[in-house]
């Protein structure tokens, strides 16, 4: 009985937290809706790589207070912003920072260049993360080496460290090569 009540209370708490979190997901606040320069909002959304459906989010958020976005102004701004976003250099930047791609370049002139470089940037990010994990493992193994009791144990740890050092050299060479081909 106690477990059932605890489970229900925990479930209710999770539901309340989820409802609270989702209620804060509006694309714009009341004051932003009332004071919006829709062309500037569209430009910003485009420059962030948001898809054209982002306007629907604004319509929904602003409808709650009776404000209707200026669709033509937003679209004009968005078109300009998305053109500046859908480039090879933007794809590289977003991918290498592991940023979320919102789908804004679908069907746009720069889609292929953006996506190719976004994927390369993601690969760079993954390589950099692996270097960090390897650094952590090398530090851990260094501690294991200091605490090793037998020659056999020390030999095994040193072999693991050599393999990781070799992997680090390979990863760093790949990272350097990727930076050389990055769009400017």
C-alpha atoms as a PDB file:
ATOM      1  CA  UNK A   1       0.000   0.000   0.000  1.00  0.00           C
ATOM      2  CA  UNK A   2       2.793   2.412   0.954  1.00  0.00           C
ATOM      3  CA  UNK A   3       4.669   1.660  -2.283  1.00  0.00           C
ATOM      4  CA  UNK A   4       1.533   2.227  -4.348  1.00  0.00           C
ATOM      5  CA  UNK A   5       0.945   5.608  -2.724  1.00  0.00           C
ATOM      6  CA  UNK A   6       4.609   6.549  -3.153  1.00  0.00           C
ATOM      7  CA  UNK A   7       4.524   5.501  -6.817  1.00  0.00           C
ATOM      8  CA  UNK A   8       1.359   7.521  -7.423  1.00  0.00           C
ATOM      9  CA  UNK A   9       2.834  10.552  -5.660  1.00  0.00           C
ATOM     10  CA  UNK A  10       6.045  10.243  -7.664  1.00  0.00           C
ATOM     11  CA  UNK A  11       4.056   9.867 -10.888  1.00  0.00           C
ATOM     12  CA  UNK A  12       1.943  12.903 -10.073  1.00  0.00           C
ATOM     13  CA  UNK A  13       5.065  14.906  -9.292  1.00  0.00           C
ATOM     14  CA  UNK A  14       6.613  13.936 -12.603  1.00  0.00           C
ATOM     15  CA  UNK A  15       3.407  14.919 -14.438  1.00  0.00           C
ATOM     16  CA  UNK A  16       3.317  18.279 -12.693  1.00  0.00           C
ATOM     17  CA  UNK A  17       6.974  18.939 -13.476  1.00  0.00           C
ATOM     18  CA  UNK A  18       6.410  17.987 -17.101  1.00  0.00           C
ATOM     19  CA  UNK A  19       3.357  20.215 -17.384  1.00  0.00           C
ATOM     20  CA  UNK A  20       5.289  23.085 -15.822  1.00  0.00           C
ATOM     21  CA  UNK A  21       8.244  22.542 -18.135  1.00  0.00           C
ATOM     22  CA  UNK A  22       6.047  22.357 -21.220  1.00  0.00           C
ATOM     23  CA  UNK A  23       4.158  25.508 -20.277  1.00  0.00           C
ATOM     24  CA  UNK A  24       7.441  27.430 -20.419  1.00  0.00           C
ATOM     25  CA  UNK A  25       8.122  26.342 -23.988  1.00  0.00           C
ATOM     26  CA  UNK A  26       6.301  29.182 -25.749  1.00  0.00           C
ATOM     27  CA  UNK A  27       8.368  30.618 -28.572  1.00  0.00           C
ATOM     28  CA  UNK A  28       7.664  34.179 -27.411  1.00  0.00           C
ATOM     29  CA  UNK A  29       6.548  35.842 -24.210  1.00  0.00           C
ATOM     30  CA  UNK A  30       3.507  38.112 -23.938  1.00  0.00           C
ATOM     31  CA  UNK A  31       5.629  41.262 -24.038  1.00  0.00           C
ATOM     32  CA  UNK A  32       7.625  39.942 -27.022  1.00  0.00           C
ATOM     33  CA  UNK A  33       4.370  39.278 -28.893  1.00  0.00           C
ATOM     34  CA  UNK A  34       3.064  42.768 -28.169  1.00  0.00           C
ATOM     35  CA  UNK A  35       6.284  44.551 -29.139  1.00  0.00           C
ATOM     36  CA  UNK A  36       7.401  42.311 -32.021  1.00  0.00           C
ATOM     37  CA  UNK A  37       9.080  43.627 -35.105  1.00  0.00           C
ATOM     38  CA  UNK A  38       8.010  40.638 -37.191  1.00  0.00           C
ATOM     39  CA  UNK A  39      10.582  41.199 -39.905  1.00  0.00           C
ATOM     40  CA  UNK A  40      13.374  41.268 -37.302  1.00  0.00           C
ATOM     41  CA  UNK A  41      11.895  38.197 -35.553  1.00  0.00           C
ATOM     42  CA  UNK A  42      11.838  36.321 -38.874  1.00  0.00           C
ATOM     43  CA  UNK A  43      15.410  37.412 -39.614  1.00  0.00           C
ATOM     44  CA  UNK A  44      16.560  36.146 -36.199  1.00  0.00           C
ATOM     45  CA  UNK A  45      14.698  32.849 -36.610  1.00  0.00           C
ATOM     46  CA  UNK A  46      16.270  32.374 -40.044  1.00  0.00           C
ATOM     47  CA  UNK A  47      19.747  33.182 -38.786  1.00  0.00           C
ATOM     48  CA  UNK A  48      19.251  30.547 -36.052  1.00  0.00           C
ATOM     49  CA  UNK A  49      18.364  27.990 -38.731  1.00  0.00           C
ATOM     50  CA  UNK A  50      14.779  27.577 -37.582  1.00  0.00           C
ATOM     51  CA  UNK A  51      12.420  26.063 -40.121  1.00  0.00           C
ATOM     52  CA  UNK A  52       9.580  28.056 -41.655  1.00  0.00           C
ATOM     53  CA  UNK A  53       7.238  26.244 -39.252  1.00  0.00           C
ATOM     54  CA  UNK A  54       8.697  28.383 -36.469  1.00  0.00           C
ATOM     55  CA  UNK A  55       6.097  30.995 -37.440  1.00  0.00           C
ATOM     56  CA  UNK A  56       3.390  28.518 -36.366  1.00  0.00           C
ATOM     57  CA  UNK A  57       4.975  28.453 -32.896  1.00  0.00           C
ATOM     58  CA  UNK A  58       4.787  32.255 -32.756  1.00  0.00           C
ATOM     59  CA  UNK A  59       1.174  32.231 -33.958  1.00  0.00           C
ATOM     60  CA  UNK A  60       0.283  29.783 -31.184  1.00  0.00           C
ATOM     61  CA  UNK A  61       2.199  31.671 -28.485  1.00  0.00           C
ATOM     62  CA  UNK A  62       0.795  35.071 -29.444  1.00  0.00           C
ATOM     63  CA  UNK A  63      -2.779  33.886 -30.032  1.00  0.00           C
ATOM     64  CA  UNK A  64      -3.105  33.379 -26.279  1.00  0.00           C
ATOM     65  CA  UNK A  65      -3.020  37.163 -25.857  1.00  0.00           C
ATOM     66  CA  UNK A  66      -4.819  38.088 -29.058  1.00  0.00           C
ATOM     67  CA  UNK A  67      -1.809  39.113 -31.134  1.00  0.00           C
ATOM     68  CA  UNK A  68      -1.489  37.896 -34.715  1.00  0.00           C
ATOM     69  CA  UNK A  69       2.011  37.896 -36.251  1.00  0.00           C
ATOM     70  CA  UNK A  70       2.563  39.770 -39.494  1.00  0.00           C
ATOM     71  CA  UNK A  71       3.204  36.710 -41.653  1.00  0.00           C
ATOM     72  CA  UNK A  72       4.487  38.624 -44.685  1.00  0.00           C
ATOM     73  CA  UNK A  73       7.005  40.619 -42.639  1.00  0.00           C
ATOM     74  CA  UNK A  74       8.158  37.502 -40.759  1.00  0.00           C
ATOM     75  CA  UNK A  75       8.560  35.539 -44.002  1.00  0.00           C
ATOM     76  CA  UNK A  76      10.546  38.346 -45.607  1.00  0.00           C
ATOM     77  CA  UNK A  77      12.921  38.467 -42.638  1.00  0.00           C
ATOM     78  CA  UNK A  78      13.140  34.684 -42.412  1.00  0.00           C
ATOM     79  CA  UNK A  79      14.038  34.337 -46.101  1.00  0.00           C
ATOM     80  CA  UNK A  80      16.935  36.737 -45.629  1.00  0.00           C
ATOM     81  CA  UNK A  81      18.074  35.071 -42.401  1.00  0.00           C
ATOM     82  CA  UNK A  82      17.877  31.500 -43.662  1.00  0.00           C
ATOM     83  CA  UNK A  83      19.960  32.400 -46.748  1.00  0.00           C
ATOM     84  CA  UNK A  84      22.738  33.604 -44.442  1.00  0.00           C
ATOM     85  CA  UNK A  85      22.419  30.461 -42.311  1.00  0.00           C
ATOM     86  CA  UNK A  86      22.389  27.787 -45.033  1.00  0.00           C
ATOM     87  CA  UNK A  87      26.069  27.976 -45.898  1.00  0.00           C
ATOM     88  CA  UNK A  88      29.013  25.620 -45.608  1.00  0.00           C
ATOM     89  CA  UNK A  89      30.670  27.732 -42.903  1.00  0.00           C
ATOM     90  CA  UNK A  90      27.479  27.853 -40.850  1.00  0.00           C
ATOM     91  CA  UNK A  91      27.048  24.096 -41.172  1.00  0.00           C
ATOM     92  CA  UNK A  92      30.623  23.578 -40.007  1.00  0.00           C
ATOM     93  CA  UNK A  93      30.196  25.942 -37.067  1.00  0.00           C
ATOM     94  CA  UNK A  94      26.912  24.404 -35.929  1.00  0.00           C
ATOM     95  CA  UNK A  95      28.111  20.818 -36.327  1.00  0.00           C
ATOM     96  CA  UNK A  96      31.458  21.359 -34.596  1.00  0.00           C
ATOM     97  CA  UNK A  97      29.644  22.913 -31.629  1.00  0.00           C
ATOM     98  CA  UNK A  98      27.185  19.990 -31.555  1.00  0.00           C
ATOM     99  CA  UNK A  99      24.267  22.380 -32.021  1.00  0.00           C
ATOM    100  CA  UNK A 100      20.811  21.086 -32.861  1.00  0.00           C
ATOM    101  CA  UNK A 101      19.846  21.390 -36.512  1.00  0.00           C
ATOM    102  CA  UNK A 102      16.273  22.675 -36.695  1.00  0.00           C
ATOM    103  CA  UNK A 103      15.696  21.726 -40.333  1.00  0.00           C
ATOM    104  CA  UNK A 104      15.640  25.269 -41.674  1.00  0.00           C
ATOM    105  CA  UNK A 105      17.779  24.515 -44.716  1.00  0.00           C
ATOM    106  CA  UNK A 106      15.436  21.871 -46.156  1.00  0.00           C
ATOM    107  CA  UNK A 107      14.645  22.912 -49.699  1.00  0.00           C
ATOM    108  CA  UNK A 108      16.934  25.953 -49.548  1.00  0.00           C
ATOM    109  CA  UNK A 109      19.668  26.734 -52.090  1.00  0.00           C
ATOM    110  CA  UNK A 110      22.502  26.097 -49.607  1.00  0.00           C
ATOM    111  CA  UNK A 111      21.076  22.890 -48.141  1.00  0.00           C
ATOM    112  CA  UNK A 112      23.680  20.479 -49.563  1.00  0.00           C
ATOM    113  CA  UNK A 113      26.691  22.586 -48.562  1.00  0.00           C
ATOM    114  CA  UNK A 114      25.234  23.204 -45.103  1.00  0.00           C
ATOM    115  CA  UNK A 115      24.429  19.529 -44.469  1.00  0.00           C
ATOM    116  CA  UNK A 116      27.774  18.221 -45.765  1.00  0.00           C
ATOM    117  CA  UNK A 117      29.706  20.578 -43.522  1.00  0.00           C
ATOM    118  CA  UNK A 118      27.315  20.137 -40.600  1.00  0.00           C
ATOM    119  CA  UNK A 119      28.037  16.404 -40.690  1.00  0.00           C
ATOM    120  CA  UNK A 120      31.781  17.020 -40.954  1.00  0.00           C
ATOM    121  CA  UNK A 121      31.535  19.396 -38.007  1.00  0.00           C
ATOM    122  CA  UNK A 122      29.720  16.738 -35.999  1.00  0.00           C
ATOM    123  CA  UNK A 123      32.526  14.294 -36.818  1.00  0.00           C
ATOM    124  CA  UNK A 124      35.043  16.850 -35.590  1.00  0.00           C
ATOM    125  CA  UNK A 125      33.074  17.272 -32.377  1.00  0.00           C
ATOM    126  CA  UNK A 126      33.010  13.495 -31.853  1.00  0.00           C
ATOM    127  CA  UNK A 127      36.779  13.274 -32.388  1.00  0.00           C
ATOM    128  CA  UNK A 128      37.375  16.056 -29.875  1.00  0.00           C
ATOM    129  CA  UNK A 129      35.147  14.296 -27.341  1.00  0.00           C
ATOM    130  CA  UNK A 130      37.117  11.081 -27.845  1.00  0.00           C
ATOM    131  CA  UNK A 131      40.380  12.945 -27.213  1.00  0.00           C
ATOM    132  CA  UNK A 132      38.941  14.217 -23.928  1.00  0.00           C
ATOM    133  CA  UNK A 133      37.780  10.739 -22.910  1.00  0.00           C
ATOM    134  CA  UNK A 134      41.207   9.338 -23.759  1.00  0.00           C
ATOM    135  CA  UNK A 135      42.880  12.071 -21.685  1.00  0.00           C
ATOM    136  CA  UNK A 136      40.719  11.077 -18.732  1.00  0.00           C
ATOM    137  CA  UNK A 137      41.561   7.412 -19.217  1.00  0.00           C
ATOM    138  CA  UNK A 138      45.285   8.231 -19.416  1.00  0.00           C
ATOM    139  CA  UNK A 139      45.038  10.086 -16.111  1.00  0.00           C
ATOM    140  CA  UNK A 140      43.247   7.139 -14.566  1.00  0.00           C
ATOM    141  CA  UNK A 141      45.852   4.704 -15.871  1.00  0.00           C
ATOM    142  CA  UNK A 142      48.639   6.926 -14.575  1.00  0.00           C
ATOM    143  CA  UNK A 143      47.138   6.579 -11.097  1.00  0.00           C
ATOM    144  CA  UNK A 144      46.804   2.811 -11.569  1.00  0.00           C
ATOM    145  CA  UNK A 145      50.449   2.686 -12.626  1.00  0.00           C
ATOM    146  CA  UNK A 146      51.541   4.523  -9.470  1.00  0.00           C
ATOM    147  CA  UNK A 147      49.587   2.067  -7.338  1.00  0.00           C
ATOM    148  CA  UNK A 148      50.695  -1.062  -9.233  1.00  0.00           C
ATOM    149  CA  UNK A 149      52.230  -3.724  -7.008  1.00  0.00           C
ATOM    150  CA  UNK A 150      53.892  -6.004  -9.561  1.00  0.00           C
ATOM    151  CA  UNK A 151      56.054  -5.631 -12.637  1.00  0.00           C
ATOM    152  CA  UNK A 152      53.467  -7.508 -14.699  1.00  0.00           C
ATOM    153  CA  UNK A 153      50.752  -5.064 -13.640  1.00  0.00           C
ATOM    154  CA  UNK A 154      52.977  -2.082 -14.517  1.00  0.00           C
ATOM    155  CA  UNK A 155      53.829  -3.637 -17.904  1.00  0.00           C
ATOM    156  CA  UNK A 156      50.143  -4.125 -18.739  1.00  0.00           C
ATOM    157  CA  UNK A 157      49.229  -0.569 -17.715  1.00  0.00           C
ATOM    158  CA  UNK A 158      52.118   0.911 -19.719  1.00  0.00           C
ATOM    159  CA  UNK A 159      50.974  -1.062 -22.785  1.00  0.00           C
ATOM    160  CA  UNK A 160      47.459   0.349 -22.396  1.00  0.00           C
ATOM    161  CA  UNK A 161      48.884   3.847 -22.043  1.00  0.00           C
ATOM    162  CA  UNK A 162      51.024   3.428 -25.181  1.00  0.00           C
ATOM    163  CA  UNK A 163      47.945   2.331 -27.169  1.00  0.00           C
ATOM    164  CA  UNK A 164      46.018   5.363 -25.909  1.00  0.00           C
ATOM    165  CA  UNK A 165      48.938   7.699 -26.676  1.00  0.00           C
ATOM    166  CA  UNK A 166      49.059   6.293 -30.198  1.00  0.00           C
ATOM    167  CA  UNK A 167      45.299   6.759 -30.542  1.00  0.00           C
ATOM    168  CA  UNK A 168      45.632  10.340 -29.301  1.00  0.00           C
ATOM    169  CA  UNK A 169      48.242  11.102 -31.972  1.00  0.00           C
ATOM    170  CA  UNK A 170      45.981   9.639 -34.657  1.00  0.00           C
ATOM    171  CA  UNK A 171      42.936  11.571 -33.412  1.00  0.00           C
ATOM    172  CA  UNK A 172      44.836  14.855 -33.179  1.00  0.00           C
ATOM    173  CA  UNK A 173      46.149  14.388 -36.731  1.00  0.00           C
ATOM    174  CA  UNK A 174      42.578  13.800 -37.949  1.00  0.00           C
ATOM    175  CA  UNK A 175      41.386  16.910 -36.101  1.00  0.00           C
ATOM    176  CA  UNK A 176      44.178  19.008 -37.603  1.00  0.00           C
ATOM    177  CA  UNK A 177      43.325  17.707 -41.082  1.00  0.00           C
ATOM    178  CA  UNK A 178      39.665  18.548 -40.592  1.00  0.00           C
ATOM    179  CA  UNK A 179      40.526  22.087 -39.546  1.00  0.00           C
ATOM    180  CA  UNK A 180      42.575  22.467 -42.732  1.00  0.00           C
ATOM    181  CA  UNK A 181      39.569  21.667 -44.921  1.00  0.00           C
ATOM    182  CA  UNK A 182      37.068  23.688 -42.893  1.00  0.00           C
ATOM    183  CA  UNK A 183      35.235  26.360 -44.884  1.00  0.00           C
ATOM    184  CA  UNK A 184      36.380  29.893 -44.290  1.00  0.00           C
END
